[in-house]
Amino acid sequence: MNRYPEPTVGAIIVNPSNKILLCKSSKWHDKYVIPGGHIEKGEKMEDALKREVKEETGLDIFDIELISLQESIYSKTFREDRHFIFIDFLCRTNDSKVILNDEADEYFWASLDEITSLDLGGYTRQFFTEFNKKNSAYKKHIFYQYVGEI
């Protein structure tokens, strides 16, 4: 177990059809989550986001905006006891062709209306529930929440 909180970045990626990318991950018990990962030592958050998205999906992203901070301490929705700090960004891509690496088994481009009806993992449902309350057209609104036990 890691002794310290783990800062991670996540991407709410919007394609030219205004759909959001979700990836199914075994790390999150085969549920849909947004792409992302750990920030490496000495790496800027946006650089980590671009790197993780490229590694996991093959996509290039732009128009990157901080959108949420979430914290999860030993949530049962992850396969191990971990303390995560999720730093999420809203961003765009010009492509819809996804090339997954070994961190995800499948992907889905979902409209904002259909996301919460999917089998979402981790903090993803809470994020999009809050996001839907405050955003009808992908407008920036930063929020913070503690996820805790889900």
Foldseek 3Di string as FASTA:
>chain_A
DDPDAFEKEFEQEQEPVRFTKWFQFVQQVRFTDTWITGADPPHDRVRRRQVRCCQAWVFGKDPKDWAEWEWEAQEPRGVGGHTYIYTYIYIYTHDDHTDGDPGGDDMDGHHLVCVLVGRHGDCRNVVSVVCVVPDDRPDGDYDYDYDYYD
